[in-house]
Amino acid sequence: MPSVYAPVRSDKLICERLPIGYTAMRRLIYCLLPAGMLVMPSCSKESKSSCYANLKAIEGAKATLEVEGHRTKGSIVTSNEVMQLLHMWPQCPSGGMYTINPIGTPPTCSVPEHKLH
C-alpha cells in the first residue's frame, strides 16, 4: 500500500512527514489569498450600511434639536449636543470622520463612498 505521506525537506534534511497535498494547499493559500485581497472592493457593504445608520442617527439628533430646541435651518449644531441625544459619538467602521453640518444640510462622512443621500 503506498504511503499517503510525502517527505518535507528543510535545509536538505527530512524534518517531518506531512500528508501529500499539504504543500500544494499551502502554496494555494499563500498565492491566492493575497491576490483575492487585491480584487476585493475597498469599502464593503457592511461598512457602508453601518456608516449610513450612523449618519441617519446624527441626522435624527439634528431633527430632534430642530424641533425641541426651536432651531431654524442653517443653525449650527455642536457634537456635544448630538452626543447628549445619542449618548456616544458614532464611529465609522472604515475609519472616516463625521461632519455634523448645520440644520438642513445632511451630515457627511470623510469616506467618499459613504453618503446619506
PDB file of N, CA and C in Angstrom:
ATOM      1  N   MET A   1       0.839  -1.170   0.000  1.00  0.00           N
ATOM      2  CA  MET A   1       0.000   0.000   0.000  1.00  0.00           C
ATOM      3  C   MET A   1       0.891   1.243   0.000  1.00  0.00           C
ATOM      4  N   PRO A   2       0.667   2.193  -0.934  1.00  0.00           N
ATOM      5  CA  PRO A   2       1.520   3.377  -0.986  1.00  0.00           C
ATOM      6  C   PRO A   2       1.251   4.296   0.198  1.00  0.00           C
ATOM      7  N   SER A   3       2.274   5.000   0.582  1.00  0.00           N
ATOM      8  CA  SER A   3       2.174   5.940   1.701  1.00  0.00           C
ATOM      9  C   SER A   3       1.430   7.203   1.262  1.00  0.00           C
ATOM     10  N   VAL A   4       0.590   7.731   2.127  1.00  0.00           N
ATOM     11  CA  VAL A   4      -0.116   8.973   1.830  1.00  0.00           C
ATOM     12  C   VAL A   4       0.664  10.176   2.328  1.00  0.00           C
ATOM     13  N   TYR A   5       1.842   9.909   2.834  1.00  0.00           N
ATOM     14  CA  TYR A   5       2.679  10.983   3.345  1.00  0.00           C
ATOM     15  C   TYR A   5       3.872  11.182   2.433  1.00  0.00           C
ATOM     16  N   ALA A   6       4.271  12.432   2.275  1.00  0.00           N
ATOM     17  CA  ALA A   6       5.434  12.749   1.461  1.00  0.00           C
ATOM     18  C   ALA A   6       6.469  13.415   2.355  1.00  0.00           C
ATOM     19  N   PRO A   7       7.732  13.163   2.116  1.00  0.00           N
ATOM     20  CA  PRO A   7       8.751  13.816   2.942  1.00  0.00           C
ATOM     21  C   PRO A   7       8.794  15.323   2.644  1.00  0.00           C
ATOM     22  N   VAL A   8       8.987  16.094   3.683  1.00  0.00           N
ATOM     23  CA  VAL A   8       9.136  17.536   3.554  1.00  0.00           C
ATOM     24  C   VAL A   8      10.581  17.855   3.890  1.00  0.00           C
ATOM     25  N   ARG A   9      11.231  18.575   2.994  1.00  0.00           N
ATOM     26  CA  ARG A   9      12.643  18.855   3.198  1.00  0.00           C
ATOM     27  C   ARG A   9      12.847  20.282   3.686  1.00  0.00           C
ATOM     28  N   SER A  10      13.726  20.412   4.653  1.00  0.00           N
ATOM     29  CA  SER A  10      14.111  21.718   5.161  1.00  0.00           C
ATOM     30  C   SER A  10      15.625  21.679   5.307  1.00  0.00           C
ATOM     31  N   ASP A  11      16.311  22.572   4.625  1.00  0.00           N
ATOM     32  CA  ASP A  11      17.768  22.584   4.602  1.00  0.00           C
ATOM     33  C   ASP A  11      18.329  21.233   4.167  1.00  0.00           C
ATOM     34  N   LYS A  12      17.665  20.634   3.179  1.00  0.00           N
ATOM     35  CA  LYS A  12      18.073  19.369   2.567  1.00  0.00           C
ATOM     36  C   LYS A  12      18.035  18.192   3.547  1.00  0.00           C
ATOM     37  N   LEU A  13      17.305  18.352   4.641  1.00  0.00           N
ATOM     38  CA  LEU A  13      17.107  17.249   5.569  1.00  0.00           C
ATOM     39  C   LEU A  13      15.610  16.989   5.686  1.00  0.00           C
ATOM     40  N   ILE A  14      15.251  15.754   5.809  1.00  0.00           N
ATOM     41  CA  ILE A  14      13.836  15.443   6.015  1.00  0.00           C
ATOM     42  C   ILE A  14      13.537  15.714   7.488  1.00  0.00           C
ATOM     43  N   CYS A  15      12.669  16.706   7.725  1.00  0.00           N
ATOM     44  CA  CYS A  15      12.410  17.072   9.115  1.00  0.00           C
ATOM     45  C   CYS A  15      11.128  16.462   9.646  1.00  0.00           C
ATOM     46  N   GLU A  16      10.160  16.177   8.799  1.00  0.00           N
ATOM     47  CA  GLU A  16       8.927  15.542   9.236  1.00  0.00           C
ATOM     48  C   GLU A  16       8.183  15.027   8.016  1.00  0.00           C
ATOM     49  N   ARG A  17       7.161  14.257   8.254  1.00  0.00           N
ATOM     50  CA  ARG A  17       6.355  13.740   7.160  1.00  0.00           C
ATOM     51  C   ARG A  17       4.981  14.380   7.248  1.00  0.00           C
ATOM     52  N   LEU A  18       4.549  14.944   6.136  1.00  0.00           N
ATOM     53  CA  LEU A  18       3.255  15.607   6.065  1.00  0.00           C
ATOM     54  C   LEU A  18       2.422  14.954   4.978  1.00  0.00           C
ATOM     55  N   PRO A  19       1.086  15.063   5.080  1.00  0.00           N
ATOM     56  CA  PRO A  19       0.243  14.458   4.040  1.00  0.00           C
ATOM     57  C   PRO A  19       0.556  15.037   2.666  1.00  0.00           C
ATOM     58  N   ILE A  20       0.457  14.182   1.629  1.00  0.00           N
ATOM     59  CA  ILE A  20       0.639  14.647   0.258  1.00  0.00           C
ATOM     60  C   ILE A  20      -0.454  15.672  -0.025  1.00  0.00           C
ATOM     61  N   GLY A  21      -0.121  16.730  -0.663  1.00  0.00           N
ATOM     62  CA  GLY A  21      -1.086  17.776  -0.956  1.00  0.00           C
ATOM     63  C   GLY A  21      -0.988  18.943   0.013  1.00  0.00           C
ATOM     64  N   TYR A  22      -0.330  18.735   1.133  1.00  0.00           N
ATOM     65  CA  TYR A  22      -0.172  19.815   2.102  1.00  0.00           C
ATOM     66  C   TYR A  22       0.583  20.983   1.488  1.00  0.00           C
ATOM     67  N   THR A  23       1.687  20.679   0.812  1.00  0.00           N
ATOM     68  CA  THR A  23       2.494  21.734   0.201  1.00  0.00           C
ATOM     69  C   THR A  23       1.717  22.458  -0.886  1.00  0.00           C
ATOM     70  N   ALA A  24       0.981  21.700  -1.686  1.00  0.00           N
ATOM     71  CA  ALA A  24       0.183  22.320  -2.744  1.00  0.00           C
ATOM     72  C   ALA A  24      -0.890  23.219  -2.140  1.00  0.00           C
ATOM     73  N   MET A  25      -1.525  22.753  -1.069  1.00  0.00           N
ATOM     74  CA  MET A  25      -2.555  23.561  -0.413  1.00  0.00           C
ATOM     75  C   MET A  25      -1.943  24.820   0.197  1.00  0.00           C
ATOM     76  N   ARG A  26      -0.775  24.691   0.802  1.00  0.00           N
ATOM     77  CA  ARG A  26      -0.106  25.848   1.395  1.00  0.00           C
ATOM     78  C   ARG A  26       0.240  26.875   0.319  1.00  0.00           C
ATOM     79  N   ARG A  27       0.734  26.402  -0.827  1.00  0.00           N
ATOM     80  CA  ARG A  27       1.053  27.315  -1.919  1.00  0.00           C
ATOM     81  C   ARG A  27      -0.209  28.011  -2.429  1.00  0.00           C
ATOM     82  N   LEU A  28      -1.288  27.259  -2.530  1.00  0.00           N
ATOM     83  CA  LEU A  28      -2.551  27.819  -2.980  1.00  0.00           C
ATOM     84  C   LEU A  28      -3.004  28.942  -2.041  1.00  0.00           C
ATOM     85  N   ILE A  29      -2.921  28.697  -0.748  1.00  0.00           N
ATOM     86  CA  ILE A  29      -3.335  29.713   0.229  1.00  0.00           C
ATOM     87  C   ILE A  29      -2.413  30.923   0.160  1.00  0.00           C
ATOM     88  N   TYR A  30      -1.103  30.700   0.116  1.00  0.00           N
ATOM     89  CA  TYR A  30      -0.159  31.809   0.112  1.00  0.00           C
ATOM     90  C   TYR A  30      -0.229  32.642  -1.163  1.00  0.00           C
ATOM     91  N   CYS A  31      -0.601  32.030  -2.273  1.00  0.00           N
ATOM     92  CA  CYS A  31      -0.645  32.761  -3.546  1.00  0.00           C
ATOM     93  C   CYS A  31      -2.002  33.393  -3.821  1.00  0.00           C
ATOM     94  N   LEU A  32      -3.071  32.656  -3.567  1.00  0.00           N
ATOM     95  CA  LEU A  32      -4.393  33.152  -3.936  1.00  0.00           C
ATOM     96  C   LEU A  32      -5.009  34.078  -2.902  1.00  0.00           C
ATOM     97  N   LEU A  33      -4.708  33.898  -1.630  1.00  0.00           N
ATOM     98  CA  LEU A  33      -5.295  34.752  -0.611  1.00  0.00           C
ATOM     99  C   LEU A  33      -4.893  36.213  -0.807  1.00  0.00           C
ATOM    100  N   PRO A  34      -3.601  36.534  -0.964  1.00  0.00           N
ATOM    101  CA  PRO A  34      -3.259  37.940  -1.217  1.00  0.00           C
ATOM    102  C   PRO A  34      -3.830  38.464  -2.534  1.00  0.00           C
ATOM    103  N   ALA A  35      -3.888  37.620  -3.549  1.00  0.00           N
ATOM    104  CA  ALA A  35      -4.445  38.052  -4.831  1.00  0.00           C
ATOM    105  C   ALA A  35      -5.927  38.375  -4.671  1.00  0.00           C
ATOM    106  N   GLY A  36      -6.633  37.586  -3.891  1.00  0.00           N
ATOM    107  CA  GLY A  36      -8.048  37.850  -3.644  1.00  0.00           C
ATOM    108  C   GLY A  36      -8.263  39.136  -2.878  1.00  0.00           C
ATOM    109  N   MET A  37      -7.349  39.463  -1.999  1.00  0.00           N
ATOM    110  CA  MET A  37      -7.474  40.698  -1.231  1.00  0.00           C
ATOM    111  C   MET A  37      -7.302  41.920  -2.128  1.00  0.00           C
ATOM    112  N   LEU A  38      -6.522  41.791  -3.189  1.00  0.00           N
ATOM    113  CA  LEU A  38      -6.337  42.913  -4.105  1.00  0.00           C
ATOM    114  C   LEU A  38      -7.586  43.182  -4.929  1.00  0.00           C
ATOM    115  N   VAL A  39      -8.367  42.135  -5.183  1.00  0.00           N
ATOM    116  CA  VAL A  39      -9.549  42.260  -6.022  1.00  0.00           C
ATOM    117  C   VAL A  39     -10.745  42.775  -5.233  1.00  0.00           C
ATOM    118  N   MET A  40     -10.732  42.589  -3.909  1.00  0.00           N
ATOM    119  CA  MET A  40     -11.874  42.979  -3.083  1.00  0.00           C
ATOM    120  C   MET A  40     -12.074  44.492  -3.134  1.00  0.00           C
ATOM    121  N   PRO A  41     -13.330  44.944  -3.118  1.00  0.00           N
ATOM    122  CA  PRO A  41     -13.574  46.377  -3.112  1.00  0.00           C
ATOM    123  C   PRO A  41     -13.069  47.000  -1.825  1.00  0.00           C
ATOM    124  N   SER A  42     -12.737  48.292  -1.891  1.00  0.00           N
ATOM    125  CA  SER A  42     -12.145  48.959  -0.736  1.00  0.00           C
ATOM    126  C   SER A  42     -13.148  49.197   0.373  1.00  0.00           C
ATOM    127  N   CYS A  43     -14.403  49.213   0.064  1.00  0.00           N
ATOM    128  CA  CYS A  43     -15.412  49.515   1.063  1.00  0.00           C
ATOM    129  C   CYS A  43     -16.525  48.472   0.971  1.00  0.00           C
ATOM    130  N   SER A  44     -16.702  47.686   2.018  1.00  0.00           N
ATOM    131  CA  SER A  44     -17.686  46.618   1.976  1.00  0.00           C
ATOM    132  C   SER A  44     -19.100  47.155   2.181  1.00  0.00           C
ATOM    133  N   LYS A  45     -20.073  46.328   1.822  1.00  0.00           N
ATOM    134  CA  LYS A  45     -21.474  46.709   2.005  1.00  0.00           C
ATOM    135  C   LYS A  45     -21.795  46.910   3.472  1.00  0.00           C
ATOM    136  N   GLU A  46     -21.193  46.077   4.344  1.00  0.00           N
ATOM    137  CA  GLU A  46     -21.468  46.175   5.774  1.00  0.00           C
ATOM    138  C   GLU A  46     -20.998  47.512   6.336  1.00  0.00           C
ATOM    139  N   SER A  47     -19.807  47.952   5.929  1.00  0.00           N
ATOM    140  CA  SER A  47     -19.312  49.222   6.457  1.00  0.00           C
ATOM    141  C   SER A  47     -20.130  50.389   5.916  1.00  0.00           C
ATOM    142  N   LYS A  48     -20.586  50.276   4.659  1.00  0.00           N
ATOM    143  CA  LYS A  48     -21.439  51.339   4.108  1.00  0.00           C
ATOM    144  C   LYS A  48     -22.756  51.412   4.857  1.00  0.00           C
ATOM    145  N   SER A  49     -23.371  50.245   5.141  1.00  0.00           N
ATOM    146  CA  SER A  49     -24.662  50.262   5.816  1.00  0.00           C
ATOM    147  C   SER A  49     -24.528  50.715   7.266  1.00  0.00           C
ATOM    148  N   SER A  50     -23.426  50.348   7.938  1.00  0.00           N
ATOM    149  CA  SER A  50     -23.205  50.818   9.312  1.00  0.00           C
ATOM    150  C   SER A  50     -22.989  52.320   9.329  1.00  0.00           C
ATOM    151  N   CYS A  51     -22.212  52.809   8.392  1.00  0.00           N
ATOM    152  CA  CYS A  51     -21.959  54.247   8.309  1.00  0.00           C
ATOM    153  C   CYS A  51     -23.255  54.979   7.981  1.00  0.00           C
ATOM    154  N   TYR A  52     -24.048  54.436   7.080  1.00  0.00           N
ATOM    155  CA  TYR A  52     -25.328  55.036   6.717  1.00  0.00           C
ATOM    156  C   TYR A  52     -26.228  55.130   7.954  1.00  0.00           C
ATOM    157  N   ALA A  53     -26.245  54.067   8.778  1.00  0.00           N
ATOM    158  CA  ALA A  53     -27.044  54.080  10.007  1.00  0.00           C
ATOM    159  C   ALA A  53     -26.537  55.151  10.969  1.00  0.00           C
ATOM    160  N   ASN A  54     -25.221  55.310  11.061  1.00  0.00           N
ATOM    161  CA  ASN A  54     -24.653  56.355  11.919  1.00  0.00           C
ATOM    162  C   ASN A  54     -25.038  57.747  11.422  1.00  0.00           C
ATOM    163  N   LEU A  55     -24.961  57.946  10.107  1.00  0.00           N
ATOM    164  CA  LEU A  55     -25.344  59.246   9.541  1.00  0.00           C
ATOM    165  C   LEU A  55     -26.825  59.528   9.778  1.00  0.00           C
ATOM    166  N   LYS A  56     -27.672  58.495   9.660  1.00  0.00           N
ATOM    167  CA  LYS A  56     -29.106  58.658   9.928  1.00  0.00           C
ATOM    168  C   LYS A  56     -29.337  59.009  11.404  1.00  0.00           C
ATOM    169  N   ALA A  57     -28.566  58.430  12.312  1.00  0.00           N
ATOM    170  CA  ALA A  57     -28.693  58.741  13.735  1.00  0.00           C
ATOM    171  C   ALA A  57     -28.309  60.193  14.004  1.00  0.00           C
ATOM    172  N   ILE A  58     -27.235  60.660  13.387  1.00  0.00           N
ATOM    173  CA  ILE A  58     -26.826  62.058  13.549  1.00  0.00           C
ATOM    174  C   ILE A  58     -27.898  62.976  12.979  1.00  0.00           C
ATOM    175  N   GLU A  59     -28.435  62.623  11.812  1.00  0.00           N
ATOM    176  CA  GLU A  59     -29.499  63.424  11.198  1.00  0.00           C
ATOM    177  C   GLU A  59     -30.741  63.446  12.095  1.00  0.00           C
ATOM    178  N   GLY A  60     -31.071  62.311  12.717  1.00  0.00           N
ATOM    179  CA  GLY A  60     -32.207  62.256  13.639  1.00  0.00           C
ATOM    180  C   GLY A  60     -31.997  63.134  14.852  1.00  0.00           C
ATOM    181  N   ALA A  61     -30.781  63.141  15.382  1.00  0.00           N
ATOM    182  CA  ALA A  61     -30.464  64.004  16.522  1.00  0.00           C
ATOM    183  C   ALA A  61     -30.600  65.477  16.127  1.00  0.00           C
ATOM    184  N   LYS A  62     -30.163  65.798  14.935  1.00  0.00           N
ATOM    185  CA  LYS A  62     -30.306  67.184  14.454  1.00  0.00           C
ATOM    186  C   LYS A  62     -31.775  67.562  14.309  1.00  0.00           C
ATOM    187  N   ALA A  63     -32.593  66.624  13.818  1.00  0.00           N
ATOM    188  CA  ALA A  63     -34.024  66.898  13.662  1.00  0.00           C
ATOM    189  C   ALA A  63     -34.678  67.111  15.024  1.00  0.00           C
ATOM    190  N   THR A  64     -34.276  66.325  16.011  1.00  0.00           N
ATOM    191  CA  THR A  64     -34.802  66.495  17.370  1.00  0.00           C
ATOM    192  C   THR A  64     -34.425  67.855  17.923  1.00  0.00           C
ATOM    193  N   LEU A  65     -33.170  68.249  17.722  1.00  0.00           N
ATOM    194  CA  LEU A  65     -32.728  69.568  18.184  1.00  0.00           C
ATOM    195  C   LEU A  65     -33.477  70.684  17.468  1.00  0.00           C
ATOM    196  N   GLU A  66     -33.775  70.479  16.201  1.00  0.00           N
ATOM    197  CA  GLU A  66     -34.509  71.486  15.429  1.00  0.00           C
ATOM    198  C   GLU A  66     -35.915  71.682  16.000  1.00  0.00           C
ATOM    199  N   VAL A  67     -36.588  70.578  16.318  1.00  0.00           N
ATOM    200  CA  VAL A  67     -37.971  70.661  16.807  1.00  0.00           C
ATOM    201  C   VAL A  67     -38.009  71.094  18.276  1.00  0.00           C
ATOM    202  N   GLU A  68     -37.246  70.402  19.123  1.00  0.00           N
ATOM    203  CA  GLU A  68     -37.309  70.674  20.557  1.00  0.00           C
ATOM    204  C   GLU A  68     -36.533  71.921  20.959  1.00  0.00           C
ATOM    205  N   GLY A  69     -35.510  72.232  20.209  1.00  0.00           N
ATOM    206  CA  GLY A  69     -34.682  73.391  20.549  1.00  0.00           C
ATOM    207  C   GLY A  69     -35.086  74.650  19.817  1.00  0.00           C
ATOM    208  N   HIS A  70     -36.176  74.565  19.060  1.00  0.00           N
ATOM    209  CA  HIS A  70     -36.669  75.712  18.287  1.00  0.00           C
ATOM    210  C   HIS A  70     -35.552  76.318  17.431  1.00  0.00           C
ATOM    211  N   ARG A  71     -34.888  75.448  16.700  1.00  0.00           N
ATOM    212  CA  ARG A  71     -33.810  75.876  15.801  1.00  0.00           C
ATOM    213  C   ARG A  71     -34.371  76.048  14.398  1.00  0.00           C
ATOM    214  N   THR A  72     -33.685  76.852  13.606  1.00  0.00           N
ATOM    215  CA  THR A  72     -34.085  77.057  12.215  1.00  0.00           C
ATOM    216  C   THR A  72     -33.028  76.470  11.298  1.00  0.00           C
ATOM    217  N   LYS A  73     -33.378  76.341  10.031  1.00  0.00           N
ATOM    218  CA  LYS A  73     -32.409  75.833   9.051  1.00  0.00           C
ATOM    219  C   LYS A  73     -31.194  76.755   9.037  1.00  0.00           C
ATOM    220  N   GLY A  74     -30.037  76.118   8.980  1.00  0.00           N
ATOM    221  CA  GLY A  74     -28.791  76.867   8.978  1.00  0.00           C
ATOM    222  C   GLY A  74     -28.186  77.030  10.361  1.00  0.00           C
ATOM    223  N   SER A  75     -28.935  76.649  11.418  1.00  0.00           N
ATOM    224  CA  SER A  75     -28.395  76.740  12.784  1.00  0.00           C
ATOM    225  C   SER A  75     -27.270  75.725  12.958  1.00  0.00           C
ATOM    226  N   ILE A  76     -26.251  76.139  13.661  1.00  0.00           N
ATOM    227  CA  ILE A  76     -25.095  75.271  13.913  1.00  0.00           C
ATOM    228  C   ILE A  76     -25.429  74.314  15.063  1.00  0.00           C
ATOM    229  N   VAL A  77     -25.066  73.055  14.888  1.00  0.00           N
ATOM    230  CA  VAL A  77     -25.253  72.030  15.914  1.00  0.00           C
ATOM    231  C   VAL A  77     -23.862  71.543  16.319  1.00  0.00           C
ATOM    232  N   THR A  78     -23.619  71.465  17.621  1.00  0.00           N
ATOM    233  CA  THR A  78     -22.307  71.007  18.097  1.00  0.00           C
ATOM    234  C   THR A  78     -22.322  69.498  18.340  1.00  0.00           C
ATOM    235  N   SER A  79     -21.132  68.924  18.392  1.00  0.00           N
ATOM    236  CA  SER A  79     -21.025  67.484  18.662  1.00  0.00           C
ATOM    237  C   SER A  79     -21.511  67.158  20.065  1.00  0.00           C
ATOM    238  N   ASN A  80     -21.340  68.075  21.018  1.00  0.00           N
ATOM    239  CA  ASN A  80     -21.835  67.834  22.377  1.00  0.00           C
ATOM    240  C   ASN A  80     -23.353  67.721  22.400  1.00  0.00           C
ATOM    241  N   GLU A  81     -24.037  68.532  21.627  1.00  0.00           N
ATOM    242  CA  GLU A  81     -25.496  68.460  21.560  1.00  0.00           C
ATOM    243  C   GLU A  81     -25.949  67.127  20.962  1.00  0.00           C
ATOM    244  N   VAL A  82     -25.252  66.678  19.933  1.00  0.00           N
ATOM    245  CA  VAL A  82     -25.585  65.396  19.308  1.00  0.00           C
ATOM    246  C   VAL A  82     -25.284  64.257  20.282  1.00  0.00           C
ATOM    247  N   MET A  83     -24.155  64.323  20.973  1.00  0.00           N
ATOM    248  CA  MET A  83     -23.779  63.262  21.910  1.00  0.00           C
ATOM    249  C   MET A  83     -24.755  63.172  23.084  1.00  0.00           C
ATOM    250  N   GLN A  84     -25.359  64.286  23.499  1.00  0.00           N
ATOM    251  CA  GLN A  84     -26.354  64.240  24.575  1.00  0.00           C
ATOM    252  C   GLN A  84     -27.565  63.405  24.155  1.00  0.00           C
ATOM    253  N   LEU A  85     -27.900  63.441  22.890  1.00  0.00           N
ATOM    254  CA  LEU A  85     -29.034  62.671  22.394  1.00  0.00           C
ATOM    255  C   LEU A  85     -28.662  61.233  22.054  1.00  0.00           C
ATOM    256  N   LEU A  86     -27.471  61.017  21.521  1.00  0.00           N
ATOM    257  CA  LEU A  86     -27.036  59.678  21.119  1.00  0.00           C
ATOM    258  C   LEU A  86     -26.290  58.937  22.226  1.00  0.00           C
ATOM    259  N   HIS A  87     -25.856  59.637  23.241  1.00  0.00           N
ATOM    260  CA  HIS A  87     -25.129  59.102  24.400  1.00  0.00           C
ATOM    261  C   HIS A  87     -23.696  58.677  24.093  1.00  0.00           C
ATOM    262  N   MET A  88     -23.320  58.672  22.859  1.00  0.00           N
ATOM    263  CA  MET A  88     -21.922  58.410  22.465  1.00  0.00           C
ATOM    264  C   MET A  88     -21.748  58.831  21.009  1.00  0.00           C
ATOM    265  N   TRP A  89     -20.522  59.165  20.650  1.00  0.00           N
ATOM    266  CA  TRP A  89     -20.257  59.584  19.280  1.00  0.00           C
ATOM    267  C   TRP A  89     -20.099  58.355  18.400  1.00  0.00           C
ATOM    268  N   PRO A  90     -20.845  58.266  17.289  1.00  0.00           N
ATOM    269  CA  PRO A  90     -20.723  57.090  16.418  1.00  0.00           C
ATOM    270  C   PRO A  90     -19.360  57.043  15.724  1.00  0.00           C
ATOM    271  N   GLN A  91     -18.908  55.823  15.436  1.00  0.00           N
ATOM    272  CA  GLN A  91     -17.629  55.609  14.765  1.00  0.00           C
ATOM    273  C   GLN A  91     -17.868  54.980  13.402  1.00  0.00           C
ATOM    274  N   CYS A  92     -17.265  55.561  12.377  1.00  0.00           N
ATOM    275  CA  CYS A  92     -17.348  54.975  11.039  1.00  0.00           C
ATOM    276  C   CYS A  92     -16.527  53.686  11.032  1.00  0.00           C
ATOM    277  N   PRO A  93     -17.080  52.578  10.532  1.00  0.00           N
ATOM    278  CA  PRO A  93     -16.333  51.321  10.512  1.00  0.00           C
ATOM    279  C   PRO A  93     -15.113  51.343   9.601  1.00  0.00           C
ATOM    280  N   SER A  94     -15.050  52.282   8.673  1.00  0.00           N
ATOM    281  CA  SER A  94     -13.894  52.393   7.774  1.00  0.00           C
ATOM    282  C   SER A  94     -12.902  53.442   8.252  1.00  0.00           C
ATOM    283  N   GLY A  95     -13.119  54.003   9.437  1.00  0.00           N
ATOM    284  CA  GLY A  95     -12.202  54.987   9.988  1.00  0.00           C
ATOM    285  C   GLY A  95     -12.461  56.410   9.537  1.00  0.00           C
ATOM    286  N   GLY A  96     -13.591  56.652   8.901  1.00  0.00           N
ATOM    287  CA  GLY A  96     -13.923  58.005   8.449  1.00  0.00           C
ATOM    288  C   GLY A  96     -14.319  58.908   9.608  1.00  0.00           C
ATOM    289  N   MET A  97     -14.340  60.190   9.345  1.00  0.00           N
ATOM    290  CA  MET A  97     -14.724  61.194  10.341  1.00  0.00           C
ATOM    291  C   MET A  97     -16.043  61.817   9.917  1.00  0.00           C
ATOM    292  N   TYR A  98     -16.948  62.008  10.872  1.00  0.00           N
ATOM    293  CA  TYR A  98     -18.248  62.591  10.582  1.00  0.00           C
ATOM    294  C   TYR A  98     -18.219  64.103  10.764  1.00  0.00           C
ATOM    295  N   THR A  99     -18.896  64.799   9.847  1.00  0.00           N
ATOM    296  CA  THR A  99     -19.115  66.239   9.947  1.00  0.00           C
ATOM    297  C   THR A  99     -20.611  66.440  10.133  1.00  0.00           C
ATOM    298  N   ILE A 100     -20.983  67.156  11.186  1.00  0.00           N
ATOM    299  CA  ILE A 100     -22.400  67.308  11.519  1.00  0.00           C
ATOM    300  C   ILE A 100     -23.115  68.190  10.507  1.00  0.00           C
ATOM    301  N   ASN A 101     -22.544  69.302  10.160  1.00  0.00           N
ATOM    302  CA  ASN A 101     -23.134  70.310   9.258  1.00  0.00           C
ATOM    303  C   ASN A 101     -24.333  71.001   9.910  1.00  0.00           C
ATOM    304  N   PRO A 102     -24.698  72.190   9.442  1.00  0.00           N
ATOM    305  CA  PRO A 102     -25.837  72.920  10.013  1.00  0.00           C
ATOM    306  C   PRO A 102     -27.160  72.200   9.748  1.00  0.00           C
ATOM    307  N   ILE A 103     -28.171  72.595  10.490  1.00  0.00           N
ATOM    308  CA  ILE A 103     -29.509  72.029  10.300  1.00  0.00           C
ATOM    309  C   ILE A 103     -29.965  72.350   8.876  1.00  0.00           C
ATOM    310  N   GLY A 104     -30.521  71.346   8.222  1.00  0.00           N
ATOM    311  CA  GLY A 104     -30.951  71.492   6.832  1.00  0.00           C
ATOM    312  C   GLY A 104     -29.947  70.931   5.842  1.00  0.00           C
ATOM    313  N   THR A 105     -28.719  70.681   6.308  1.00  0.00           N
ATOM    314  CA  THR A 105     -27.679  70.070   5.480  1.00  0.00           C
ATOM    315  C   THR A 105     -27.351  68.713   6.082  1.00  0.00           C
ATOM    316  N   PRO A 106     -27.421  67.633   5.313  1.00  0.00           N
ATOM    317  CA  PRO A 106     -27.172  66.309   5.898  1.00  0.00           C
ATOM    318  C   PRO A 106     -25.741  66.159   6.400  1.00  0.00           C
ATOM    319  N   PRO A 107     -25.552  65.342   7.439  1.00  0.00           N
ATOM    320  CA  PRO A 107     -24.193  65.075   7.905  1.00  0.00           C
ATOM    321  C   PRO A 107     -23.421  64.288   6.847  1.00  0.00           C
ATOM    322  N   THR A 108     -22.106  64.357   6.902  1.00  0.00           N
ATOM    323  CA  THR A 108     -21.270  63.672   5.913  1.00  0.00           C
ATOM    324  C   THR A 108     -20.194  62.857   6.609  1.00  0.00           C
ATOM    325  N   CYS A 109     -19.645  61.906   5.859  1.00  0.00           N
ATOM    326  CA  CYS A 109     -18.519  61.085   6.303  1.00  0.00           C
ATOM    327  C   CYS A 109     -17.339  61.407   5.379  1.00  0.00           C
ATOM    328  N   SER A 110     -16.148  61.348   5.931  1.00  0.00           N
ATOM    329  CA  SER A 110     -14.962  61.663   5.124  1.00  0.00           C
ATOM    330  C   SER A 110     -14.634  60.558   4.112  1.00  0.00           C
ATOM    331  N   VAL A 111     -15.238  59.382   4.256  1.00  0.00           N
ATOM    332  CA  VAL A 111     -15.055  58.312   3.269  1.00  0.00           C
ATOM    333  C   VAL A 111     -15.974  58.628   2.096  1.00  0.00           C
ATOM    334  N   PRO A 112     -15.425  58.838   0.897  1.00  0.00           N
ATOM    335  CA  PRO A 112     -16.245  59.294  -0.238  1.00  0.00           C
ATOM    336  C   PRO A 112     -17.411  58.370  -0.595  1.00  0.00           C
ATOM    337  N   GLU A 113     -17.259  57.064  -0.399  1.00  0.00           N
ATOM    338  CA  GLU A 113     -18.328  56.128  -0.758  1.00  0.00           C
ATOM    339  C   GLU A 113     -19.493  56.153   0.224  1.00  0.00           C
ATOM    340  N   HIS A 114     -19.292  56.737   1.406  1.00  0.00           N
ATOM    341  CA  HIS A 114     -20.337  56.768   2.431  1.00  0.00           C
ATOM    342  C   HIS A 114     -21.123  58.068   2.309  1.00  0.00           C
ATOM    343  N   LYS A 115     -22.323  57.953   1.800  1.00  0.00           N
ATOM    344  CA  LYS A 115     -23.183  59.128   1.600  1.00  0.00           C
ATOM    345  C   LYS A 115     -24.547  58.842   2.179  1.00  0.00           C
ATOM    346  N   LEU A 116     -25.175  59.884   2.724  1.00  0.00           N
ATOM    347  CA  LEU A 116     -26.515  59.741   3.277  1.00  0.00           C
ATOM    348  C   LEU A 116     -27.564  59.845   2.198  1.00  0.00           C
ATOM    349  N   HIS A 117     -27.418  60.745   1.277  1.00  0.00           N
ATOM    350  CA  HIS A 117     -28.441  60.953   0.227  1.00  0.00           C
ATOM    351  C   HIS A 117     -27.828  60.718  -1.131  1.00  0.00           C
TER     352      HIS A 117
END
